[in-house]
Amino acid sequence: MQPASAEALLRAFQVMDPDNKGYVTRELLSKNMLELGEPFTEEELEEMMTVAVDPETGNIPYEYYINQIMVGIGYKSKTRKHVNLFPYRRSKYTRIYTP
């Protein structure tokens, strides 16, 4: 099975965010990940949440999280440079830097 594209992940998060706030709550994502589709285990979910949840707000800023996922699975640049998988959207969460 191929990993989902950044665009497919973004569309999935946008379905959970009908008000277009740019984030989803930990509770909403947890519920969906445990109940819909191929359910995650509690351990898998907790591992995901350690990366996904913004420690300041307790929410998941999904564009930033998707960027982290994509960099982690091999879209990483060979040099340290800006990675923006959603150049058409502007938010404080769309920019990350890779080592």
PDB file of N, CA and C in Angstrom:
ATOM      1  N   MET A   1       0.836  -1.180   0.000  1.00  0.00           N
ATOM      2  CA  MET A   1       0.000   0.000   0.000  1.00  0.00           C
ATOM      3  C   MET A   1       0.883   1.247   0.000  1.00  0.00           C
ATOM      4  N   GLN A   2       0.582   2.171  -0.879  1.00  0.00           N
ATOM      5  CA  GLN A   2       1.338   3.422  -0.989  1.00  0.00           C
ATOM      6  C   GLN A   2       0.871   4.417   0.071  1.00  0.00           C
ATOM      7  N   PRO A   3       1.800   5.222   0.602  1.00  0.00           N
ATOM      8  CA  PRO A   3       1.382   6.282   1.535  1.00  0.00           C
ATOM      9  C   PRO A   3       0.488   7.284   0.811  1.00  0.00           C
ATOM     10  N   ALA A   4      -0.399   7.891   1.535  1.00  0.00           N
ATOM     11  CA  ALA A   4      -1.275   8.911   0.958  1.00  0.00           C
ATOM     12  C   ALA A   4      -0.449  10.131   0.556  1.00  0.00           C
ATOM     13  N   SER A   5      -0.876  10.793  -0.498  1.00  0.00           N
ATOM     14  CA  SER A   5      -0.196  12.018  -0.922  1.00  0.00           C
ATOM     15  C   SER A   5      -0.524  13.137   0.054  1.00  0.00           C
ATOM     16  N   ALA A   6       0.282  14.189   0.017  1.00  0.00           N
ATOM     17  CA  ALA A   6       0.031  15.356   0.863  1.00  0.00           C
ATOM     18  C   ALA A   6      -1.333  15.951   0.556  1.00  0.00           C
ATOM     19  N   GLU A   7      -1.700  15.979  -0.710  1.00  0.00           N
ATOM     20  CA  GLU A   7      -2.989  16.547  -1.102  1.00  0.00           C
ATOM     21  C   GLU A   7      -4.148  15.704  -0.573  1.00  0.00           C
ATOM     22  N   ALA A   8      -4.013  14.381  -0.610  1.00  0.00           N
ATOM     23  CA  ALA A   8      -5.068  13.499  -0.089  1.00  0.00           C
ATOM     24  C   ALA A   8      -5.208  13.669   1.421  1.00  0.00           C
ATOM     25  N   LEU A   9      -4.088  13.780   2.118  1.00  0.00           N
ATOM     26  CA  LEU A   9      -4.140  14.008   3.566  1.00  0.00           C
ATOM     27  C   LEU A   9      -4.800  15.347   3.882  1.00  0.00           C
ATOM     28  N   LEU A  10      -4.447  16.369   3.121  1.00  0.00           N
ATOM     29  CA  LEU A  10      -5.036  17.687   3.338  1.00  0.00           C
ATOM     30  C   LEU A  10      -6.545  17.631   3.149  1.00  0.00           C
ATOM     31  N   ARG A  11      -7.005  16.967   2.097  1.00  0.00           N
ATOM     32  CA  ARG A  11      -8.450  16.860   1.867  1.00  0.00           C
ATOM     33  C   ARG A  11      -9.133  16.137   3.031  1.00  0.00           C
ATOM     34  N   ALA A  12      -8.500  15.084   3.544  1.00  0.00           N
ATOM     35  CA  ALA A  12      -9.078  14.340   4.668  1.00  0.00           C
ATOM     36  C   ALA A  12      -9.199  15.230   5.913  1.00  0.00           C
ATOM     37  N   PHE A  13      -8.154  16.010   6.193  1.00  0.00           N
ATOM     38  CA  PHE A  13      -8.221  16.912   7.341  1.00  0.00           C
ATOM     39  C   PHE A  13      -9.264  18.005   7.122  1.00  0.00           C
ATOM     40  N   GLN A  14      -9.376  18.491   5.905  1.00  0.00           N
ATOM     41  CA  GLN A  14     -10.350  19.542   5.628  1.00  0.00           C
ATOM     42  C   GLN A  14     -11.789  19.054   5.827  1.00  0.00           C
ATOM     43  N   VAL A  15     -12.032  17.774   5.587  1.00  0.00           N
ATOM     44  CA  VAL A  15     -13.356  17.208   5.849  1.00  0.00           C
ATOM     45  C   VAL A  15     -13.666  17.292   7.344  1.00  0.00           C
ATOM     46  N   MET A  16     -12.645  17.085   8.173  1.00  0.00           N
ATOM     47  CA  MET A  16     -12.836  17.162   9.620  1.00  0.00           C
ATOM     48  C   MET A  16     -12.858  18.606  10.125  1.00  0.00           C
ATOM     49  N   ASP A  17     -12.555  19.557   9.256  1.00  0.00           N
ATOM     50  CA  ASP A  17     -12.473  20.974   9.626  1.00  0.00           C
ATOM     51  C   ASP A  17     -13.377  21.810   8.719  1.00  0.00           C
ATOM     52  N   PRO A  18     -14.706  21.641   8.824  1.00  0.00           N
ATOM     53  CA  PRO A  18     -15.603  22.361   7.914  1.00  0.00           C
ATOM     54  C   PRO A  18     -15.566  23.876   8.087  1.00  0.00           C
ATOM     55  N   ASP A  19     -15.108  24.356   9.240  1.00  0.00           N
ATOM     56  CA  ASP A  19     -15.011  25.802   9.461  1.00  0.00           C
ATOM     57  C   ASP A  19     -13.692  26.389   8.963  1.00  0.00           C
ATOM     58  N   ASN A  20     -12.822  25.535   8.409  1.00  0.00           N
ATOM     59  CA  ASN A  20     -11.548  25.967   7.821  1.00  0.00           C
ATOM     60  C   ASN A  20     -10.685  26.735   8.827  1.00  0.00           C
ATOM     61  N   LYS A  21     -10.559  26.182  10.040  1.00  0.00           N
ATOM     62  CA  LYS A  21      -9.758  26.805  11.097  1.00  0.00           C
ATOM     63  C   LYS A  21      -8.269  26.504  10.927  1.00  0.00           C
ATOM     64  N   GLY A  22      -7.940  25.449  10.182  1.00  0.00           N
ATOM     65  CA  GLY A  22      -6.537  25.089  10.003  1.00  0.00           C
ATOM     66  C   GLY A  22      -6.041  24.080  11.027  1.00  0.00           C
ATOM     67  N   TYR A  23      -6.926  23.655  11.900  1.00  0.00           N
ATOM     68  CA  TYR A  23      -6.548  22.654  12.897  1.00  0.00           C
ATOM     69  C   TYR A  23      -7.762  21.792  13.233  1.00  0.00           C
ATOM     70  N   VAL A  24      -7.479  20.630  13.802  1.00  0.00           N
ATOM     71  CA  VAL A  24      -8.523  19.778  14.370  1.00  0.00           C
ATOM     72  C   VAL A  24      -8.123  19.485  15.812  1.00  0.00           C
ATOM     73  N   THR A  25      -9.108  19.110  16.603  1.00  0.00           N
ATOM     74  CA  THR A  25      -8.803  18.798  17.991  1.00  0.00           C
ATOM     75  C   THR A  25      -8.221  17.396  18.108  1.00  0.00           C
ATOM     76  N   ARG A  26      -7.472  17.194  19.144  1.00  0.00           N
ATOM     77  CA  ARG A  26      -6.916  15.872  19.429  1.00  0.00           C
ATOM     78  C   ARG A  26      -8.042  14.846  19.579  1.00  0.00           C
ATOM     79  N   GLU A  27      -9.112  15.247  20.250  1.00  0.00           N
ATOM     80  CA  GLU A  27     -10.232  14.351  20.494  1.00  0.00           C
ATOM     81  C   GLU A  27     -10.893  13.909  19.189  1.00  0.00           C
ATOM     82  N   LEU A  28     -11.125  14.853  18.270  1.00  0.00           N
ATOM     83  CA  LEU A  28     -11.753  14.523  16.998  1.00  0.00           C
ATOM     84  C   LEU A  28     -10.883  13.582  16.180  1.00  0.00           C
ATOM     85  N   LEU A  29      -9.596  13.892  16.070  1.00  0.00           N
ATOM     86  CA  LEU A  29      -8.709  13.033  15.293  1.00  0.00           C
ATOM     87  C   LEU A  29      -8.595  11.655  15.940  1.00  0.00           C
ATOM     88  N   SER A  30      -8.502  11.606  17.257  1.00  0.00           N
ATOM     89  CA  SER A  30      -8.414  10.321  17.954  1.00  0.00           C
ATOM     90  C   SER A  30      -9.644   9.469  17.674  1.00  0.00           C
ATOM     91  N   LYS A  31     -10.801  10.074  17.786  1.00  0.00           N
ATOM     92  CA  LYS A  31     -12.053   9.350  17.537  1.00  0.00           C
ATOM     93  C   LYS A  31     -12.072   8.782  16.125  1.00  0.00           C
ATOM     94  N   ASN A  32     -11.738   9.599  15.139  1.00  0.00           N
ATOM     95  CA  ASN A  32     -11.741   9.148  13.750  1.00  0.00           C
ATOM     96  C   ASN A  32     -10.706   8.061  13.495  1.00  0.00           C
ATOM     97  N   MET A  33      -9.533   8.197  14.078  1.00  0.00           N
ATOM     98  CA  MET A  33      -8.465   7.218  13.838  1.00  0.00           C
ATOM     99  C   MET A  33      -8.774   5.877  14.501  1.00  0.00           C
ATOM    100  N   LEU A  34      -9.519   5.895  15.593  1.00  0.00           N
ATOM    101  CA  LEU A  34      -9.848   4.650  16.289  1.00  0.00           C
ATOM    102  C   LEU A  34     -11.102   3.974  15.738  1.00  0.00           C
ATOM    103  N   GLU A  35     -11.988   4.739  15.111  1.00  0.00           N
ATOM    104  CA  GLU A  35     -13.275   4.187  14.709  1.00  0.00           C
ATOM    105  C   GLU A  35     -13.482   4.014  13.213  1.00  0.00           C
ATOM    106  N   LEU A  36     -12.806   4.792  12.390  1.00  0.00           N
ATOM    107  CA  LEU A  36     -13.055   4.750  10.951  1.00  0.00           C
ATOM    108  C   LEU A  36     -11.945   4.025  10.200  1.00  0.00           C
ATOM    109  N   GLY A  37     -12.310   3.389   9.107  1.00  0.00           N
ATOM    110  CA  GLY A  37     -11.328   2.720   8.263  1.00  0.00           C
ATOM    111  C   GLY A  37     -10.566   1.635   9.003  1.00  0.00           C
ATOM    112  N   GLU A  38      -9.302   1.524   8.703  1.00  0.00           N
ATOM    113  CA  GLU A  38      -8.409   0.577   9.382  1.00  0.00           C
ATOM    114  C   GLU A  38      -8.037   1.196  10.716  1.00  0.00           C
ATOM    115  N   PRO A  39      -8.631   0.726  11.818  1.00  0.00           N
ATOM    116  CA  PRO A  39      -8.405   1.387  13.106  1.00  0.00           C
ATOM    117  C   PRO A  39      -6.957   1.308  13.575  1.00  0.00           C
ATOM    118  N   PHE A  40      -6.524   2.367  14.208  1.00  0.00           N
ATOM    119  CA  PHE A  40      -5.204   2.414  14.829  1.00  0.00           C
ATOM    120  C   PHE A  40      -5.309   1.776  16.209  1.00  0.00           C
ATOM    121  N   THR A  41      -4.195   1.263  16.695  1.00  0.00           N
ATOM    122  CA  THR A  41      -4.150   0.828  18.087  1.00  0.00           C
ATOM    123  C   THR A  41      -3.925   2.065  18.952  1.00  0.00           C
ATOM    124  N   GLU A  42      -4.170   1.936  20.250  1.00  0.00           N
ATOM    125  CA  GLU A  42      -3.916   3.043  21.176  1.00  0.00           C
ATOM    126  C   GLU A  42      -2.448   3.463  21.130  1.00  0.00           C
ATOM    127  N   GLU A  43      -1.542   2.476  21.016  1.00  0.00           N
ATOM    128  CA  GLU A  43      -0.107   2.781  20.975  1.00  0.00           C
ATOM    129  C   GLU A  43       0.252   3.551  19.708  1.00  0.00           C
ATOM    130  N   GLU A  44      -0.288   3.124  18.561  1.00  0.00           N
ATOM    131  CA  GLU A  44      -0.025   3.828  17.310  1.00  0.00           C
ATOM    132  C   GLU A  44      -0.572   5.257  17.378  1.00  0.00           C
ATOM    133  N   LEU A  45      -1.745   5.387  17.937  1.00  0.00           N
ATOM    134  CA  LEU A  45      -2.363   6.706  18.051  1.00  0.00           C
ATOM    135  C   LEU A  45      -1.535   7.622  18.946  1.00  0.00           C
ATOM    136  N   GLU A  46      -1.078   7.112  20.071  1.00  0.00           N
ATOM    137  CA  GLU A  46      -0.278   7.934  20.990  1.00  0.00           C
ATOM    138  C   GLU A  46       1.037   8.364  20.338  1.00  0.00           C
ATOM    139  N   GLU A  47       1.660   7.457  19.585  1.00  0.00           N
ATOM    140  CA  GLU A  47       2.896   7.801  18.873  1.00  0.00           C
ATOM    141  C   GLU A  47       2.634   8.916  17.868  1.00  0.00           C
ATOM    142  N   MET A  48       1.525   8.819  17.147  1.00  0.00           N
ATOM    143  CA  MET A  48       1.174   9.843  16.169  1.00  0.00           C
ATOM    144  C   MET A  48       0.917  11.182  16.864  1.00  0.00           C
ATOM    145  N   MET A  49       0.225  11.146  17.984  1.00  0.00           N
ATOM    146  CA  MET A  49      -0.131  12.377  18.676  1.00  0.00           C
ATOM    147  C   MET A  49       1.083  13.107  19.239  1.00  0.00           C
ATOM    148  N   THR A  50       2.135  12.386  19.592  1.00  0.00           N
ATOM    149  CA  THR A  50       3.320  13.068  20.107  1.00  0.00           C
ATOM    150  C   THR A  50       3.925  13.986  19.063  1.00  0.00           C
ATOM    151  N   VAL A  51       3.741  13.663  17.794  1.00  0.00           N
ATOM    152  CA  VAL A  51       4.247  14.503  16.705  1.00  0.00           C
ATOM    153  C   VAL A  51       3.194  15.511  16.262  1.00  0.00           C
ATOM    154  N   ALA A  52       1.938  15.099  16.252  1.00  0.00           N
ATOM    155  CA  ALA A  52       0.871  15.911  15.651  1.00  0.00           C
ATOM    156  C   ALA A  52       0.398  17.071  16.510  1.00  0.00           C
ATOM    157  N   VAL A  53       0.330  16.886  17.808  1.00  0.00           N
ATOM    158  CA  VAL A  53      -0.303  17.875  18.683  1.00  0.00           C
ATOM    159  C   VAL A  53       0.636  19.038  18.983  1.00  0.00           C
ATOM    160  N   ASP A  54       0.120  20.248  18.802  1.00  0.00           N
ATOM    161  CA  ASP A  54       0.839  21.463  19.165  1.00  0.00           C
ATOM    162  C   ASP A  54       0.801  21.570  20.690  1.00  0.00           C
ATOM    163  N   PRO A  55       1.973  21.565  21.347  1.00  0.00           N
ATOM    164  CA  PRO A  55       1.972  21.580  22.810  1.00  0.00           C
ATOM    165  C   PRO A  55       1.384  22.850  23.419  1.00  0.00           C
ATOM    166  N   GLU A  56       1.370  23.926  22.678  1.00  0.00           N
ATOM    167  CA  GLU A  56       0.825  25.183  23.197  1.00  0.00           C
ATOM    168  C   GLU A  56      -0.694  25.210  23.182  1.00  0.00           C
ATOM    169  N   THR A  57      -1.307  24.648  22.145  1.00  0.00           N
ATOM    170  CA  THR A  57      -2.761  24.731  22.002  1.00  0.00           C
ATOM    171  C   THR A  57      -3.473  23.415  22.304  1.00  0.00           C
ATOM    172  N   GLY A  58      -2.761  22.302  22.175  1.00  0.00           N
ATOM    173  CA  GLY A  58      -3.389  20.997  22.341  1.00  0.00           C
ATOM    174  C   GLY A  58      -4.146  20.542  21.107  1.00  0.00           C
ATOM    175  N   ASN A  59      -4.084  21.324  20.029  1.00  0.00           N
ATOM    176  CA  ASN A  59      -4.751  20.987  18.770  1.00  0.00           C
ATOM    177  C   ASN A  59      -3.735  20.474  17.758  1.00  0.00           C
ATOM    178  N   ILE A  60      -4.235  20.008  16.620  1.00  0.00           N
ATOM    179  CA  ILE A  60      -3.371  19.520  15.547  1.00  0.00           C
ATOM    180  C   ILE A  60      -3.467  20.477  14.368  1.00  0.00           C
ATOM    181  N   PRO A  61      -2.445  21.326  14.169  1.00  0.00           N
ATOM    182  CA  PRO A  61      -2.415  22.188  12.985  1.00  0.00           C
ATOM    183  C   PRO A  61      -2.040  21.303  11.790  1.00  0.00           C
ATOM    184  N   TYR A  62      -3.031  20.914  11.020  1.00  0.00           N
ATOM    185  CA  TYR A  62      -2.831  19.806  10.095  1.00  0.00           C
ATOM    186  C   TYR A  62      -1.901  20.091   8.928  1.00  0.00           C
ATOM    187  N   GLU A  63      -1.781  21.292   8.448  1.00  0.00           N
ATOM    188  CA  GLU A  63      -0.819  21.539   7.363  1.00  0.00           C
ATOM    189  C   GLU A  63       0.608  21.318   7.862  1.00  0.00           C
ATOM    190  N   TYR A  64       0.900  21.793   9.048  1.00  0.00           N
ATOM    191  CA  TYR A  64       2.219  21.588   9.636  1.00  0.00           C
ATOM    192  C   TYR A  64       2.475  20.096   9.854  1.00  0.00           C
ATOM    193  N   TYR A  65       1.478  19.408  10.389  1.00  0.00           N
ATOM    194  CA  TYR A  65       1.625  17.970  10.635  1.00  0.00           C
ATOM    195  C   TYR A  65       1.842  17.204   9.333  1.00  0.00           C
ATOM    196  N   ILE A  66       1.105  17.543   8.293  1.00  0.00           N
ATOM    197  CA  ILE A  66       1.291  16.876   6.997  1.00  0.00           C
ATOM    198  C   ILE A  66       2.696  17.128   6.476  1.00  0.00           C
ATOM    199  N   ASN A  67       3.195  18.344   6.625  1.00  0.00           N
ATOM    200  CA  ASN A  67       4.578  18.633   6.227  1.00  0.00           C
ATOM    201  C   ASN A  67       5.550  17.735   6.981  1.00  0.00           C
ATOM    202  N   GLN A  68       5.330  17.565   8.284  1.00  0.00           N
ATOM    203  CA  GLN A  68       6.214  16.696   9.076  1.00  0.00           C
ATOM    204  C   GLN A  68       6.168  15.266   8.569  1.00  0.00           C
ATOM    205  N   ILE A  69       4.984  14.765   8.270  1.00  0.00           N
ATOM    206  CA  ILE A  69       4.835  13.403   7.769  1.00  0.00           C
ATOM    207  C   ILE A  69       5.575  13.239   6.446  1.00  0.00           C
ATOM    208  N   MET A  70       5.362  14.161   5.534  1.00  0.00           N
ATOM    209  CA  MET A  70       5.956  14.045   4.197  1.00  0.00           C
ATOM    210  C   MET A  70       7.478  14.096   4.256  1.00  0.00           C
ATOM    211  N   VAL A  71       8.016  14.957   5.082  1.00  0.00           N
ATOM    212  CA  VAL A  71       9.472  15.031   5.239  1.00  0.00           C
ATOM    213  C   VAL A  71       9.978  13.723   5.840  1.00  0.00           C
ATOM    214  N   GLY A  72       9.245  13.192   6.798  1.00  0.00           N
ATOM    215  CA  GLY A  72       9.646  11.964   7.467  1.00  0.00           C
ATOM    216  C   GLY A  72       9.615  10.734   6.585  1.00  0.00           C
ATOM    217  N   ILE A  73       8.795  10.726   5.516  1.00  0.00           N
ATOM    218  CA  ILE A  73       8.727   9.532   4.670  1.00  0.00           C
ATOM    219  C   ILE A  73       9.502   9.662   3.374  1.00  0.00           C
ATOM    220  N   GLY A  74      10.336  10.669   3.265  1.00  0.00           N
ATOM    221  CA  GLY A  74      11.232  10.667   2.129  1.00  0.00           C
ATOM    222  C   GLY A  74      11.158  11.829   1.169  1.00  0.00           C
ATOM    223  N   TYR A  75      10.386  12.837   1.464  1.00  0.00           N
ATOM    224  CA  TYR A  75      10.362  14.004   0.597  1.00  0.00           C
ATOM    225  C   TYR A  75      11.385  15.032   1.033  1.00  0.00           C
ATOM    226  N   LYS A  76      12.314  14.600   1.859  1.00  0.00           N
ATOM    227  CA  LYS A  76      13.306  15.495   2.434  1.00  0.00           C
ATOM    228  C   LYS A  76      14.322  15.935   1.378  1.00  0.00           C
ATOM    229  N   SER A  77      14.688  17.174   1.440  1.00  0.00           N
ATOM    230  CA  SER A  77      15.703  17.729   0.553  1.00  0.00           C
ATOM    231  C   SER A  77      17.081  17.215   0.959  1.00  0.00           C
ATOM    232  N   LYS A  78      18.004  17.201   0.014  1.00  0.00           N
ATOM    233  CA  LYS A  78      19.377  16.774   0.303  1.00  0.00           C
ATOM    234  C   LYS A  78      20.153  17.828   1.085  1.00  0.00           C
ATOM    235  N   THR A  79      19.726  19.077   1.001  1.00  0.00           N
ATOM    236  CA  THR A  79      20.378  20.152   1.746  1.00  0.00           C
ATOM    237  C   THR A  79      19.361  20.801   2.662  1.00  0.00           C
ATOM    238  N   ARG A  80      19.862  21.533   3.619  1.00  0.00           N
ATOM    239  CA  ARG A  80      18.940  22.219   4.540  1.00  0.00           C
ATOM    240  C   ARG A  80      18.278  23.358   3.791  1.00  0.00           C
ATOM    241  N   LYS A  81      16.989  23.219   3.538  1.00  0.00           N
ATOM    242  CA  LYS A  81      16.267  24.270   2.854  1.00  0.00           C
ATOM    243  C   LYS A  81      14.795  24.189   3.195  1.00  0.00           C
ATOM    244  N   HIS A  82      14.092  25.227   2.854  1.00  0.00           N
ATOM    245  CA  HIS A  82      12.672  25.343   3.152  1.00  0.00           C
ATOM    246  C   HIS A  82      11.872  24.297   2.378  1.00  0.00           C
ATOM    247  N   VAL A  83      10.931  23.677   3.057  1.00  0.00           N
ATOM    248  CA  VAL A  83      10.007  22.743   2.426  1.00  0.00           C
ATOM    249  C   VAL A  83       8.607  23.280   2.658  1.00  0.00           C
ATOM    250  N   ASN A  84       7.873  23.512   1.597  1.00  0.00           N
ATOM    251  CA  ASN A  84       6.497  23.970   1.718  1.00  0.00           C
ATOM    252  C   ASN A  84       5.660  23.145   0.754  1.00  0.00           C
ATOM    253  N   LEU A  85       4.918  22.176   1.296  1.00  0.00           N
ATOM    254  CA  LEU A  85       4.128  21.299   0.456  1.00  0.00           C
ATOM    255  C   LEU A  85       2.818  21.930   0.019  1.00  0.00           C
ATOM    256  N   PHE A  86       2.462  23.062   0.605  1.00  0.00           N
ATOM    257  CA  PHE A  86       1.223  23.736   0.257  1.00  0.00           C
ATOM    258  C   PHE A  86       1.518  25.192  -0.084  1.00  0.00           C
ATOM    259  N   PRO A  87       2.230  25.453  -1.177  1.00  0.00           N
ATOM    260  CA  PRO A  87       2.638  26.828  -1.483  1.00  0.00           C
ATOM    261  C   PRO A  87       1.459  27.757  -1.768  1.00  0.00           C
ATOM    262  N   TYR A  88       0.315  27.205  -2.116  1.00  0.00           N
ATOM    263  CA  TYR A  88      -0.838  28.024  -2.436  1.00  0.00           C
ATOM    264  C   TYR A  88      -1.608  28.455  -1.197  1.00  0.00           C
ATOM    265  N   ARG A  89      -1.245  27.935  -0.035  1.00  0.00           N
ATOM    266  CA  ARG A  89      -1.917  28.297   1.217  1.00  0.00           C
ATOM    267  C   ARG A  89      -0.918  28.978   2.127  1.00  0.00           C
ATOM    268  N   ARG A  90      -1.340  30.035   2.761  1.00  0.00           N
ATOM    269  CA  ARG A  90      -0.459  30.767   3.656  1.00  0.00           C
ATOM    270  C   ARG A  90      -0.935  30.589   5.088  1.00  0.00           C
ATOM    271  N   SER A  91      -0.084  30.032   5.909  1.00  0.00           N
ATOM    272  CA  SER A  91      -0.363  29.976   7.338  1.00  0.00           C
ATOM    273  C   SER A  91       0.952  29.797   8.055  1.00  0.00           C
ATOM    274  N   LYS A  92       0.949  30.063   9.355  1.00  0.00           N
ATOM    275  CA  LYS A  92       2.189  29.930  10.097  1.00  0.00           C
ATOM    276  C   LYS A  92       2.635  28.480  10.200  1.00  0.00           C
ATOM    277  N   TYR A  93       1.769  27.531   9.841  1.00  0.00           N
ATOM    278  CA  TYR A  93       2.102  26.118   9.988  1.00  0.00           C
ATOM    279  C   TYR A  93       2.630  25.479   8.700  1.00  0.00           C
ATOM    280  N   THR A  94       2.648  26.197   7.582  1.00  0.00           N
ATOM    281  CA  THR A  94       2.988  25.549   6.320  1.00  0.00           C
ATOM    282  C   THR A  94       4.493  25.507   6.058  1.00  0.00           C
ATOM    283  N   ARG A  95       5.286  26.132   6.872  1.00  0.00           N
ATOM    284  CA  ARG A  95       6.726  26.166   6.604  1.00  0.00           C
ATOM    285  C   ARG A  95       7.490  25.385   7.674  1.00  0.00           C
ATOM    286  N   ILE A  96       8.357  24.493   7.225  1.00  0.00           N
ATOM    287  CA  ILE A  96       9.269  23.805   8.117  1.00  0.00           C
ATOM    288  C   ILE A  96      10.634  23.755   7.457  1.00  0.00           C
ATOM    289  N   TYR A  97      11.632  23.466   8.218  1.00  0.00           N
ATOM    290  CA  TYR A  97      12.976  23.364   7.684  1.00  0.00           C
ATOM    291  C   TYR A  97      13.485  21.959   7.941  1.00  0.00           C
ATOM    292  N   THR A  98      14.226  21.440   6.988  1.00  0.00           N
ATOM    293  CA  THR A  98      14.738  20.089   7.124  1.00  0.00           C
ATOM    294  C   THR A  98      16.220  20.126   7.403  1.00  0.00           C
ATOM    295  N   PRO A  99      16.729  19.150   8.117  1.00  0.00           N
ATOM    296  CA  PRO A  99      18.174  19.111   8.400  1.00  0.00           C
ATOM    297  C   PRO A  99      18.959  18.717   7.160  1.00  0.00           C
TER     298      PRO A  99
END
